[in-house]
Amino acid sequence: MLVLTRKTEEGIRIGQDITVRILRIKKRSVQIGIEASDGVVILRNELIDAPARQARACPLVPRERRPGGTP
């Protein structure tokens, strides 16, 4: 992992297509901007991890006990 210190309006470049810029720094949060080409998908980690957390929170129900017997 690369750890950097940046000030407001400073940024970093990832490859040819992605620039991450620090827009604002508040007491306990940082607002960042990400510039990337249209083909690059950008998602917050909590959106990626949410299905796995929901699956762990939901008890498993065997297929034969599900309505209609479908998965």
N, C-alpha and C. Protein backbone atom coordinates (compact mmCIF):
# COMPACT_ATOMS: atom_id res chain seq x y z
N MET A 1 0.85 -1.17 0.00
CA MET A 1 0.00 0.00 0.00
C MET A 1 0.89 1.23 0.00
N LEU A 2 0.57 2.16 -0.84
CA LEU A 2 1.26 3.43 -0.90
C LEU A 2 0.48 4.43 -0.06
N VAL A 3 1.13 5.09 0.87
CA VAL A 3 0.49 6.09 1.72
C VAL A 3 1.09 7.45 1.38
N LEU A 4 0.24 8.40 1.03
CA LEU A 4 0.68 9.73 0.65
C LEU A 4 0.01 10.79 1.51
N THR A 5 0.66 11.92 1.65
CA THR A 5 0.06 13.08 2.30
C THR A 5 -0.20 14.11 1.21
N ARG A 6 -1.42 14.59 1.12
CA ARG A 6 -1.80 15.57 0.12
C ARG A 6 -2.51 16.73 0.79
N LYS A 7 -2.40 17.89 0.22
CA LYS A 7 -3.12 19.08 0.67
C LYS A 7 -4.27 19.34 -0.29
N THR A 8 -5.15 20.27 0.07
CA THR A 8 -6.27 20.63 -0.78
C THR A 8 -5.77 21.04 -2.17
N GLU A 9 -6.47 20.59 -3.17
CA GLU A 9 -6.17 20.82 -4.58
C GLU A 9 -4.98 20.03 -5.11
N GLU A 10 -4.32 19.25 -4.27
CA GLU A 10 -3.28 18.36 -4.75
C GLU A 10 -3.91 17.04 -5.14
N GLY A 11 -3.22 16.26 -5.94
CA GLY A 11 -3.79 15.00 -6.38
C GLY A 11 -2.73 13.98 -6.68
N ILE A 12 -3.19 12.84 -7.13
CA ILE A 12 -2.30 11.77 -7.57
C ILE A 12 -2.85 11.22 -8.88
N ARG A 13 -2.00 10.63 -9.66
CA ARG A 13 -2.42 10.04 -10.92
C ARG A 13 -2.19 8.54 -10.85
N ILE A 14 -3.18 7.78 -11.31
CA ILE A 14 -3.10 6.33 -11.35
C ILE A 14 -3.17 5.93 -12.82
N GLY A 15 -2.07 5.43 -13.33
CA GLY A 15 -2.02 5.07 -14.74
C GLY A 15 -2.23 6.28 -15.63
N GLN A 16 -2.74 6.05 -16.83
CA GLN A 16 -2.97 7.13 -17.80
C GLN A 16 -4.32 7.80 -17.63
N ASP A 17 -5.29 7.07 -17.04
CA ASP A 17 -6.69 7.50 -17.11
C ASP A 17 -7.32 7.99 -15.82
N ILE A 18 -6.65 7.87 -14.69
CA ILE A 18 -7.31 8.17 -13.42
C ILE A 18 -6.52 9.21 -12.64
N THR A 19 -7.21 10.28 -12.23
CA THR A 19 -6.62 11.30 -11.36
C THR A 19 -7.51 11.43 -10.13
N VAL A 20 -6.90 11.37 -8.95
CA VAL A 20 -7.62 11.55 -7.69
C VAL A 20 -7.14 12.87 -7.09
N ARG A 21 -8.09 13.76 -6.79
CA ARG A 21 -7.74 15.08 -6.30
C ARG A 21 -8.44 15.35 -4.96
N ILE A 22 -7.73 15.97 -4.04
CA ILE A 22 -8.30 16.36 -2.75
C ILE A 22 -9.03 17.69 -2.95
N LEU A 23 -10.33 17.70 -2.73
CA LEU A 23 -11.13 18.90 -2.96
C LEU A 23 -11.30 19.74 -1.70
N ARG A 24 -11.56 19.06 -0.59
CA ARG A 24 -11.80 19.79 0.66
C ARG A 24 -11.44 18.91 1.83
N ILE A 25 -10.91 19.51 2.87
CA ILE A 25 -10.60 18.78 4.10
C ILE A 25 -11.38 19.44 5.22
N LYS A 26 -12.23 18.65 5.89
CA LYS A 26 -12.96 19.14 7.06
C LYS A 26 -12.35 18.49 8.29
N LYS A 27 -12.98 18.68 9.44
CA LYS A 27 -12.44 18.14 10.69
C LYS A 27 -12.17 16.65 10.61
N ARG A 28 -13.17 15.87 10.24
CA ARG A 28 -13.01 14.41 10.26
C ARG A 28 -13.33 13.76 8.93
N SER A 29 -13.31 14.53 7.85
CA SER A 29 -13.60 13.93 6.55
C SER A 29 -12.81 14.64 5.46
N VAL A 30 -12.66 13.95 4.37
CA VAL A 30 -11.96 14.47 3.21
C VAL A 30 -12.87 14.28 2.01
N GLN A 31 -13.03 15.32 1.22
CA GLN A 31 -13.81 15.22 -0.01
C GLN A 31 -12.82 15.07 -1.15
N ILE A 32 -13.00 14.00 -1.93
CA ILE A 32 -12.09 13.75 -3.04
C ILE A 32 -12.87 13.75 -4.35
N GLY A 33 -12.16 14.07 -5.42
CA GLY A 33 -12.73 13.99 -6.76
C GLY A 33 -11.92 12.99 -7.56
N ILE A 34 -12.60 12.23 -8.39
CA ILE A 34 -11.94 11.22 -9.22
C ILE A 34 -12.28 11.51 -10.67
N GLU A 35 -11.24 11.73 -11.47
CA GLU A 35 -11.41 11.93 -12.90
C GLU A 35 -10.96 10.66 -13.60
N ALA A 36 -11.84 10.10 -14.42
CA ALA A 36 -11.51 8.87 -15.13
C ALA A 36 -12.27 8.84 -16.45
N SER A 37 -11.78 8.04 -17.38
CA SER A 37 -12.47 7.91 -18.67
C SER A 37 -13.82 7.24 -18.46
N ASP A 38 -14.68 7.36 -19.43
CA ASP A 38 -16.05 6.83 -19.31
C ASP A 38 -16.11 5.34 -19.07
N GLY A 39 -15.14 4.58 -19.51
CA GLY A 39 -15.18 3.13 -19.35
C GLY A 39 -14.76 2.63 -17.98
N VAL A 40 -14.30 3.52 -17.10
CA VAL A 40 -13.83 3.11 -15.78
C VAL A 40 -14.99 3.14 -14.79
N VAL A 41 -15.23 2.01 -14.12
CA VAL A 41 -16.29 1.92 -13.12
C VAL A 41 -15.70 2.31 -11.76
N ILE A 42 -16.35 3.24 -11.08
CA ILE A 42 -15.90 3.69 -9.77
C ILE A 42 -17.01 3.42 -8.77
N LEU A 43 -16.73 2.62 -7.75
CA LEU A 43 -17.71 2.28 -6.72
C LEU A 43 -17.10 2.48 -5.34
N ARG A 44 -17.94 2.87 -4.40
CA ARG A 44 -17.49 2.94 -3.00
C ARG A 44 -17.41 1.52 -2.46
N ASN A 45 -16.44 1.27 -1.58
CA ASN A 45 -16.24 -0.07 -1.03
C ASN A 45 -17.49 -0.61 -0.33
N GLU A 46 -18.22 0.25 0.36
CA GLU A 46 -19.39 -0.23 1.09
C GLU A 46 -20.46 -0.76 0.14
N LEU A 47 -20.49 -0.29 -1.10
CA LEU A 47 -21.46 -0.82 -2.07
C LEU A 47 -21.02 -2.18 -2.58
N ILE A 48 -19.73 -2.40 -2.68
CA ILE A 48 -19.22 -3.69 -3.12
C ILE A 48 -19.38 -4.73 -2.02
N ASP A 49 -19.14 -4.33 -0.76
CA ASP A 49 -19.19 -5.24 0.37
C ASP A 49 -20.60 -5.50 0.88
N ALA A 50 -21.57 -4.67 0.51
CA ALA A 50 -22.92 -4.79 1.05
C ALA A 50 -23.57 -6.15 0.79
N PRO A 51 -23.52 -6.72 -0.42
CA PRO A 51 -24.15 -8.03 -0.62
C PRO A 51 -23.57 -9.12 0.28
N ALA A 52 -22.26 -9.10 0.50
CA ALA A 52 -21.65 -10.11 1.37
C ALA A 52 -22.12 -9.93 2.81
N ARG A 53 -22.22 -8.69 3.28
CA ARG A 53 -22.70 -8.43 4.65
C ARG A 53 -24.15 -8.87 4.79
N GLN A 54 -24.97 -8.60 3.78
CA GLN A 54 -26.38 -8.99 3.83
C GLN A 54 -26.51 -10.50 3.85
N ALA A 55 -25.70 -11.19 3.08
CA ALA A 55 -25.76 -12.65 3.04
C ALA A 55 -25.38 -13.24 4.39
N ARG A 56 -24.40 -12.66 5.08
CA ARG A 56 -24.00 -13.16 6.40
C ARG A 56 -25.09 -12.88 7.43
N ALA A 57 -25.82 -11.77 7.29
CA ALA A 57 -26.85 -11.41 8.25
C ALA A 57 -28.13 -12.23 8.07
N CYS A 58 -28.35 -12.73 6.87
CA CYS A 58 -29.57 -13.47 6.57
C CYS A 58 -29.33 -14.96 6.78
N PRO A 59 -30.16 -15.64 7.56
CA PRO A 59 -29.97 -17.08 7.74
C PRO A 59 -30.18 -17.82 6.42
N LEU A 60 -29.40 -18.85 6.23
CA LEU A 60 -29.52 -19.64 5.02
C LEU A 60 -30.77 -20.52 5.08
N VAL A 61 -31.49 -20.56 4.00
CA VAL A 61 -32.69 -21.37 3.90
C VAL A 61 -32.43 -22.42 2.83
N PRO A 62 -32.56 -23.70 3.16
CA PRO A 62 -32.34 -24.73 2.14
C PRO A 62 -33.26 -24.52 0.95
N ARG A 63 -32.79 -24.90 -0.24
CA ARG A 63 -33.56 -24.68 -1.46
C ARG A 63 -34.94 -25.32 -1.41
N GLU A 64 -35.02 -26.52 -0.85
CA GLU A 64 -36.33 -27.20 -0.83
C GLU A 64 -37.35 -26.49 0.06
N ARG A 65 -36.89 -25.62 0.95
CA ARG A 65 -37.82 -24.91 1.84
C ARG A 65 -38.17 -23.54 1.30
N ARG A 66 -37.54 -23.12 0.20
CA ARG A 66 -37.85 -21.81 -0.38
C ARG A 66 -39.17 -21.90 -1.14
N PRO A 67 -39.92 -20.82 -1.19
CA PRO A 67 -41.18 -20.85 -1.92
C PRO A 67 -40.96 -21.27 -3.37
N GLY A 68 -41.70 -22.21 -3.84
CA GLY A 68 -41.61 -22.70 -5.20
C GLY A 68 -40.46 -23.66 -5.44
N GLY A 69 -39.61 -23.87 -4.41
CA GLY A 69 -38.49 -24.80 -4.52
C GLY A 69 -37.38 -24.30 -5.42
N THR A 70 -37.39 -23.00 -5.74
CA THR A 70 -36.35 -22.45 -6.61
C THR A 70 -35.29 -21.77 -5.77
N PRO A 71 -34.06 -21.71 -6.30
CA PRO A 71 -32.98 -21.05 -5.57
C PRO A 71 -33.19 -19.57 -5.40
